[in-house]
Amino acid sequence: MDEWLAYCLAKPGAWQDEPWEGDVVAKVGDKIFAFFGDTSLTLKCGRNREEADELVRVYPDDVSASAYIGRYGWNSVSFVGKVPEDEVRELVDGSYDAIVGKLPKSQRPAR
C-alpha cells in the first residue's frame, strides 16, 4: 500500500486524509480519487457502471464493483493480483484526472 499511496500523493495537489477512522484516502481539492485497502485500491474506473464493468470482465478475480459507489463507476482493484502494475498506475492516473475534471476551475491544481 505504501508504494501506491506515495504514487497518489506525488500528483499535483494530492493529499492524504482519513475521513473515517482507519480508512486512508487520497484527495485532490476536497474530493477523493483513491481509497486504500490492505491489498487493493478503489478508483474511479469509468463514467458509469457500464464503462467500469469492462475492467471487471478482463480481471474478474482481481477487480470488482465497489460497494456503495460502484454504480458511479468505482471499482476495487487488487494490486497483488493479475492486474499489471503499469495498468494499476494508469487506473490511478485516470481516477485522478476524472476527479480533477469535476473540480471547479478555481480549485484545480496547477500542472
N, C-alpha and C. Protein backbone atom coordinates (compact mmCIF):
# COMPACT_ATOMS: atom_id res chain seq x y z
N MET A 1 0.82 -1.20 0.00
CA MET A 1 0.00 0.00 0.00
C MET A 1 0.86 1.26 0.00
N ASP A 2 1.97 1.25 0.71
CA ASP A 2 2.80 2.45 0.83
C ASP A 2 3.26 2.97 -0.52
N GLU A 3 3.63 2.06 -1.43
CA GLU A 3 4.08 2.46 -2.76
C GLU A 3 2.96 3.18 -3.51
N TRP A 4 1.73 2.66 -3.41
CA TRP A 4 0.60 3.25 -4.13
C TRP A 4 0.18 4.56 -3.49
N LEU A 5 0.26 4.64 -2.18
CA LEU A 5 -0.04 5.91 -1.52
C LEU A 5 0.96 6.98 -1.95
N ALA A 6 2.23 6.64 -1.98
CA ALA A 6 3.26 7.59 -2.42
C ALA A 6 3.02 8.01 -3.86
N TYR A 7 2.63 7.07 -4.72
CA TYR A 7 2.35 7.40 -6.12
C TYR A 7 1.20 8.40 -6.22
N CYS A 8 0.15 8.15 -5.46
CA CYS A 8 -1.00 9.06 -5.47
C CYS A 8 -0.65 10.44 -4.93
N LEU A 9 0.11 10.47 -3.85
CA LEU A 9 0.43 11.74 -3.21
C LEU A 9 1.43 12.57 -4.00
N ALA A 10 2.09 11.96 -4.98
CA ALA A 10 3.02 12.70 -5.84
C ALA A 10 2.28 13.52 -6.90
N LYS A 11 1.00 13.32 -7.04
CA LYS A 11 0.22 14.04 -8.04
C LYS A 11 -0.02 15.48 -7.56
N PRO A 12 -0.08 16.43 -8.50
CA PRO A 12 -0.28 17.84 -8.12
C PRO A 12 -1.54 18.02 -7.26
N GLY A 13 -1.37 18.67 -6.12
CA GLY A 13 -2.49 18.99 -5.24
C GLY A 13 -3.03 17.82 -4.43
N ALA A 14 -2.42 16.65 -4.54
CA ALA A 14 -2.92 15.48 -3.81
C ALA A 14 -2.51 15.54 -2.35
N TRP A 15 -3.39 15.02 -1.51
CA TRP A 15 -3.09 14.98 -0.08
C TRP A 15 -3.81 13.79 0.56
N GLN A 16 -3.25 13.33 1.66
CA GLN A 16 -3.77 12.17 2.38
C GLN A 16 -4.78 12.62 3.41
N ASP A 17 -5.85 11.84 3.55
CA ASP A 17 -6.87 12.12 4.55
C ASP A 17 -7.32 10.79 5.15
N GLU A 18 -7.97 10.87 6.29
CA GLU A 18 -8.57 9.71 6.95
C GLU A 18 -9.96 10.14 7.40
N PRO A 19 -10.91 10.22 6.43
CA PRO A 19 -12.23 10.75 6.77
C PRO A 19 -13.03 9.86 7.71
N TRP A 20 -12.71 8.57 7.73
CA TRP A 20 -13.32 7.62 8.65
C TRP A 20 -12.17 6.90 9.33
N GLU A 21 -12.28 6.67 10.60
CA GLU A 21 -11.18 6.08 11.37
C GLU A 21 -10.65 4.81 10.70
N GLY A 22 -9.34 4.83 10.40
CA GLY A 22 -8.67 3.68 9.81
C GLY A 22 -8.79 3.59 8.30
N ASP A 23 -9.51 4.50 7.65
CA ASP A 23 -9.69 4.47 6.20
C ASP A 23 -8.87 5.59 5.56
N VAL A 24 -7.78 5.21 4.92
CA VAL A 24 -6.89 6.18 4.27
C VAL A 24 -7.37 6.41 2.84
N VAL A 25 -7.39 7.68 2.45
CA VAL A 25 -7.77 8.06 1.09
C VAL A 25 -6.79 9.09 0.57
N ALA A 26 -6.76 9.22 -0.76
CA ALA A 26 -6.01 10.31 -1.40
C ALA A 26 -7.04 11.24 -2.01
N LYS A 27 -6.84 12.53 -1.77
CA LYS A 27 -7.77 13.54 -2.26
C LYS A 27 -7.04 14.55 -3.13
N VAL A 28 -7.81 15.20 -3.98
CA VAL A 28 -7.35 16.38 -4.69
C VAL A 28 -8.48 17.39 -4.50
N GLY A 29 -8.11 18.59 -4.06
CA GLY A 29 -9.15 19.51 -3.61
C GLY A 29 -9.85 18.85 -2.44
N ASP A 30 -11.17 18.86 -2.47
CA ASP A 30 -11.90 18.20 -1.37
C ASP A 30 -12.53 16.88 -1.81
N LYS A 31 -12.06 16.34 -2.93
CA LYS A 31 -12.63 15.11 -3.49
C LYS A 31 -11.65 13.94 -3.41
N ILE A 32 -12.18 12.77 -3.09
CA ILE A 32 -11.39 11.54 -3.04
C ILE A 32 -11.18 11.01 -4.45
N PHE A 33 -9.93 10.60 -4.76
CA PHE A 33 -9.70 9.91 -6.02
C PHE A 33 -9.16 8.50 -5.82
N ALA A 34 -8.79 8.13 -4.59
CA ALA A 34 -8.34 6.76 -4.30
C ALA A 34 -8.62 6.41 -2.84
N PHE A 35 -9.22 5.24 -2.65
CA PHE A 35 -9.42 4.67 -1.32
C PHE A 35 -8.42 3.53 -1.19
N PHE A 36 -7.78 3.40 -0.04
CA PHE A 36 -6.75 2.38 0.15
C PHE A 36 -7.21 1.27 1.07
N GLY A 37 -7.03 0.03 0.60
CA GLY A 37 -7.24 -1.15 1.41
C GLY A 37 -5.89 -1.83 1.60
N ASP A 38 -5.87 -2.94 2.29
CA ASP A 38 -4.61 -3.64 2.53
C ASP A 38 -3.98 -4.15 1.24
N THR A 39 -4.82 -4.64 0.32
CA THR A 39 -4.31 -5.22 -0.92
C THR A 39 -5.01 -4.67 -2.16
N SER A 40 -5.75 -3.58 -1.98
CA SER A 40 -6.49 -3.04 -3.13
C SER A 40 -6.66 -1.54 -3.03
N LEU A 41 -6.96 -0.97 -4.18
CA LEU A 41 -7.31 0.44 -4.30
C LEU A 41 -8.72 0.53 -4.86
N THR A 42 -9.49 1.47 -4.41
CA THR A 42 -10.78 1.74 -5.02
C THR A 42 -10.63 3.03 -5.81
N LEU A 43 -10.94 2.94 -7.11
CA LEU A 43 -10.66 4.03 -8.04
C LEU A 43 -11.86 4.26 -8.96
N LYS A 44 -11.96 5.48 -9.44
CA LYS A 44 -12.95 5.81 -10.46
C LYS A 44 -12.45 5.21 -11.77
N CYS A 45 -13.18 4.22 -12.31
CA CYS A 45 -12.71 3.47 -13.47
C CYS A 45 -13.62 3.63 -14.69
N GLY A 46 -14.50 4.59 -14.65
CA GLY A 46 -15.39 4.83 -15.77
C GLY A 46 -16.41 5.89 -15.41
N ARG A 47 -17.05 6.43 -16.43
CA ARG A 47 -18.06 7.46 -16.16
C ARG A 47 -19.30 6.87 -15.53
N ASN A 48 -19.47 5.55 -15.71
CA ASN A 48 -20.66 4.88 -15.18
C ASN A 48 -20.31 3.40 -14.95
N ARG A 49 -21.28 2.66 -14.47
CA ARG A 49 -21.05 1.25 -14.16
C ARG A 49 -20.72 0.46 -15.42
N GLU A 50 -21.40 0.78 -16.51
CA GLU A 50 -21.16 0.05 -17.76
C GLU A 50 -19.69 0.16 -18.19
N GLU A 51 -19.12 1.35 -18.16
CA GLU A 51 -17.71 1.53 -18.53
C GLU A 51 -16.79 0.81 -17.54
N ALA A 52 -17.08 0.93 -16.27
CA ALA A 52 -16.24 0.31 -15.24
C ALA A 52 -16.28 -1.21 -15.31
N ASP A 53 -17.40 -1.75 -15.78
CA ASP A 53 -17.53 -3.21 -15.89
C ASP A 53 -16.59 -3.81 -16.93
N GLU A 54 -16.11 -3.02 -17.87
CA GLU A 54 -15.16 -3.54 -18.85
C GLU A 54 -13.93 -4.11 -18.15
N LEU A 55 -13.45 -3.42 -17.13
CA LEU A 55 -12.28 -3.87 -16.38
C LEU A 55 -12.61 -5.12 -15.56
N VAL A 56 -13.81 -5.18 -15.02
CA VAL A 56 -14.24 -6.37 -14.27
C VAL A 56 -14.25 -7.60 -15.18
N ARG A 57 -14.68 -7.42 -16.41
CA ARG A 57 -14.71 -8.55 -17.36
C ARG A 57 -13.30 -9.04 -17.69
N VAL A 58 -12.33 -8.13 -17.74
CA VAL A 58 -10.95 -8.51 -18.08
C VAL A 58 -10.28 -9.20 -16.89
N TYR A 59 -10.52 -8.71 -15.68
CA TYR A 59 -9.88 -9.24 -14.46
C TYR A 59 -10.94 -9.63 -13.42
N PRO A 60 -11.75 -10.63 -13.71
CA PRO A 60 -12.86 -10.95 -12.80
C PRO A 60 -12.45 -11.35 -11.39
N ASP A 61 -11.23 -11.88 -11.22
CA ASP A 61 -10.78 -12.28 -9.89
C ASP A 61 -10.12 -11.15 -9.12
N ASP A 62 -9.77 -10.06 -9.80
CA ASP A 62 -8.99 -9.00 -9.16
C ASP A 62 -9.63 -7.62 -9.20
N VAL A 63 -10.76 -7.48 -9.87
CA VAL A 63 -11.46 -6.20 -9.94
C VAL A 63 -12.94 -6.45 -9.69
N SER A 64 -13.53 -5.62 -8.86
CA SER A 64 -14.97 -5.74 -8.60
C SER A 64 -15.57 -4.36 -8.40
N ALA A 65 -16.86 -4.28 -8.63
CA ALA A 65 -17.57 -3.03 -8.39
C ALA A 65 -17.46 -2.70 -6.90
N SER A 66 -17.19 -1.47 -6.62
CA SER A 66 -17.07 -1.04 -5.23
C SER A 66 -18.44 -0.98 -4.56
N ALA A 67 -18.47 -1.35 -3.29
CA ALA A 67 -19.71 -1.23 -2.53
C ALA A 67 -20.12 0.24 -2.46
N TYR A 68 -21.38 0.49 -2.50
CA TYR A 68 -22.00 1.82 -2.36
C TYR A 68 -21.77 2.75 -3.54
N ILE A 69 -20.53 2.92 -4.00
CA ILE A 69 -20.26 3.89 -5.06
C ILE A 69 -19.97 3.23 -6.41
N GLY A 70 -20.07 1.91 -6.46
CA GLY A 70 -19.81 1.18 -7.69
C GLY A 70 -20.70 1.61 -8.84
N ARG A 71 -21.93 1.97 -8.54
CA ARG A 71 -22.85 2.37 -9.61
C ARG A 71 -22.41 3.64 -10.33
N TYR A 72 -21.47 4.36 -9.71
CA TYR A 72 -20.95 5.59 -10.32
C TYR A 72 -19.62 5.35 -11.04
N GLY A 73 -19.25 4.09 -11.24
CA GLY A 73 -18.04 3.77 -11.99
C GLY A 73 -16.80 3.52 -11.14
N TRP A 74 -16.97 3.26 -9.85
CA TRP A 74 -15.85 2.98 -8.96
C TRP A 74 -15.64 1.48 -8.83
N ASN A 75 -14.39 1.04 -8.94
CA ASN A 75 -14.01 -0.36 -8.79
C ASN A 75 -12.96 -0.52 -7.71
N SER A 76 -12.98 -1.67 -7.06
CA SER A 76 -11.89 -2.08 -6.17
C SER A 76 -10.93 -2.91 -7.02
N VAL A 77 -9.66 -2.51 -7.03
CA VAL A 77 -8.65 -3.13 -7.89
C VAL A 77 -7.54 -3.69 -7.01
N SER A 78 -7.33 -4.99 -7.08
CA SER A 78 -6.25 -5.61 -6.32
C SER A 78 -4.91 -5.24 -6.93
N PHE A 79 -3.97 -4.84 -6.07
CA PHE A 79 -2.62 -4.56 -6.58
C PHE A 79 -1.66 -5.70 -6.25
N VAL A 80 -2.21 -6.84 -5.82
CA VAL A 80 -1.39 -8.04 -5.60
C VAL A 80 -1.87 -9.19 -6.47
N GLY A 81 -2.78 -8.92 -7.39
CA GLY A 81 -3.32 -9.96 -8.26
C GLY A 81 -2.71 -9.90 -9.65
N LYS A 82 -3.55 -10.15 -10.64
CA LYS A 82 -3.10 -10.26 -12.02
C LYS A 82 -3.14 -8.94 -12.79
N VAL A 83 -3.63 -7.88 -12.19
CA VAL A 83 -3.65 -6.59 -12.88
C VAL A 83 -2.20 -6.08 -12.91
N PRO A 84 -1.63 -5.88 -14.09
CA PRO A 84 -0.24 -5.42 -14.17
C PRO A 84 -0.05 -4.06 -13.49
N GLU A 85 1.12 -3.91 -12.89
CA GLU A 85 1.44 -2.69 -12.15
C GLU A 85 1.27 -1.44 -13.03
N ASP A 86 1.70 -1.49 -14.28
CA ASP A 86 1.56 -0.32 -15.14
C ASP A 86 0.09 -0.01 -15.42
N GLU A 87 -0.75 -1.02 -15.45
CA GLU A 87 -2.18 -0.77 -15.64
C GLU A 87 -2.81 -0.17 -14.39
N VAL A 88 -2.38 -0.62 -13.21
CA VAL A 88 -2.86 -0.02 -11.97
C VAL A 88 -2.47 1.47 -11.95
N ARG A 89 -1.24 1.77 -12.37
CA ARG A 89 -0.80 3.16 -12.45
C ARG A 89 -1.70 3.97 -13.38
N GLU A 90 -2.02 3.41 -14.54
CA GLU A 90 -2.92 4.09 -15.48
C GLU A 90 -4.30 4.31 -14.87
N LEU A 91 -4.78 3.34 -14.10
CA LEU A 91 -6.08 3.48 -13.45
C LEU A 91 -6.05 4.58 -12.39
N VAL A 92 -4.96 4.65 -11.63
CA VAL A 92 -4.80 5.74 -10.66
C VAL A 92 -4.80 7.07 -11.39
N ASP A 93 -4.02 7.16 -12.47
CA ASP A 93 -3.96 8.41 -13.24
C ASP A 93 -5.34 8.80 -13.77
N GLY A 94 -6.08 7.81 -14.28
CA GLY A 94 -7.41 8.09 -14.80
C GLY A 94 -8.38 8.54 -13.73
N SER A 95 -8.30 7.93 -12.56
CA SER A 95 -9.16 8.32 -11.45
C SER A 95 -8.85 9.76 -11.02
N TYR A 96 -7.58 10.05 -10.89
CA TYR A 96 -7.15 11.41 -10.53
C TYR A 96 -7.67 12.41 -11.56
N ASP A 97 -7.44 12.13 -12.84
CA ASP A 97 -7.87 13.05 -13.90
C ASP A 97 -9.38 13.25 -13.90
N ALA A 98 -10.13 12.17 -13.68
CA ALA A 98 -11.59 12.27 -13.65
C ALA A 98 -12.06 13.17 -12.51
N ILE A 99 -11.42 13.04 -11.36
CA ILE A 99 -11.84 13.84 -10.20
C ILE A 99 -11.40 15.28 -10.37
N VAL A 100 -10.18 15.50 -10.85
CA VAL A 100 -9.73 16.88 -11.11
C VAL A 100 -10.69 17.56 -12.09
N GLY A 101 -11.12 16.83 -13.09
CA GLY A 101 -12.04 17.39 -14.08
C GLY A 101 -13.38 17.82 -13.52
N LYS A 102 -13.75 17.27 -12.36
CA LYS A 102 -15.01 17.64 -11.72
C LYS A 102 -14.87 18.81 -10.76
N LEU A 103 -13.63 19.16 -10.44
CA LEU A 103 -13.42 20.29 -9.53
C LEU A 103 -13.70 21.61 -10.24
N PRO A 104 -14.18 22.61 -9.51
CA PRO A 104 -14.29 23.94 -10.10
C PRO A 104 -12.89 24.38 -10.56
N LYS A 105 -12.82 25.10 -11.64
CA LYS A 105 -11.52 25.51 -12.18
C LYS A 105 -10.65 26.21 -11.14
N SER A 106 -11.27 26.95 -10.24
CA SER A 106 -10.50 27.66 -9.22
C SER A 106 -9.82 26.72 -8.23
N GLN A 107 -10.30 25.46 -8.14
CA GLN A 107 -9.73 24.51 -7.19
C GLN A 107 -8.81 23.48 -7.85
N ARG A 108 -8.69 23.53 -9.16
CA ARG A 108 -7.84 22.56 -9.85
C ARG A 108 -6.37 22.90 -9.65
N PRO A 109 -5.55 21.88 -9.36
CA PRO A 109 -4.12 22.15 -9.14
C PRO A 109 -3.43 22.52 -10.44
N ALA A 110 -2.40 23.34 -10.31
CA ALA A 110 -1.57 23.67 -11.46
C ALA A 110 -0.76 22.44 -11.84
N ARG A 111 -0.59 22.21 -13.12
CA ARG A 111 0.15 21.01 -13.55
C ARG A 111 1.48 21.39 -14.11
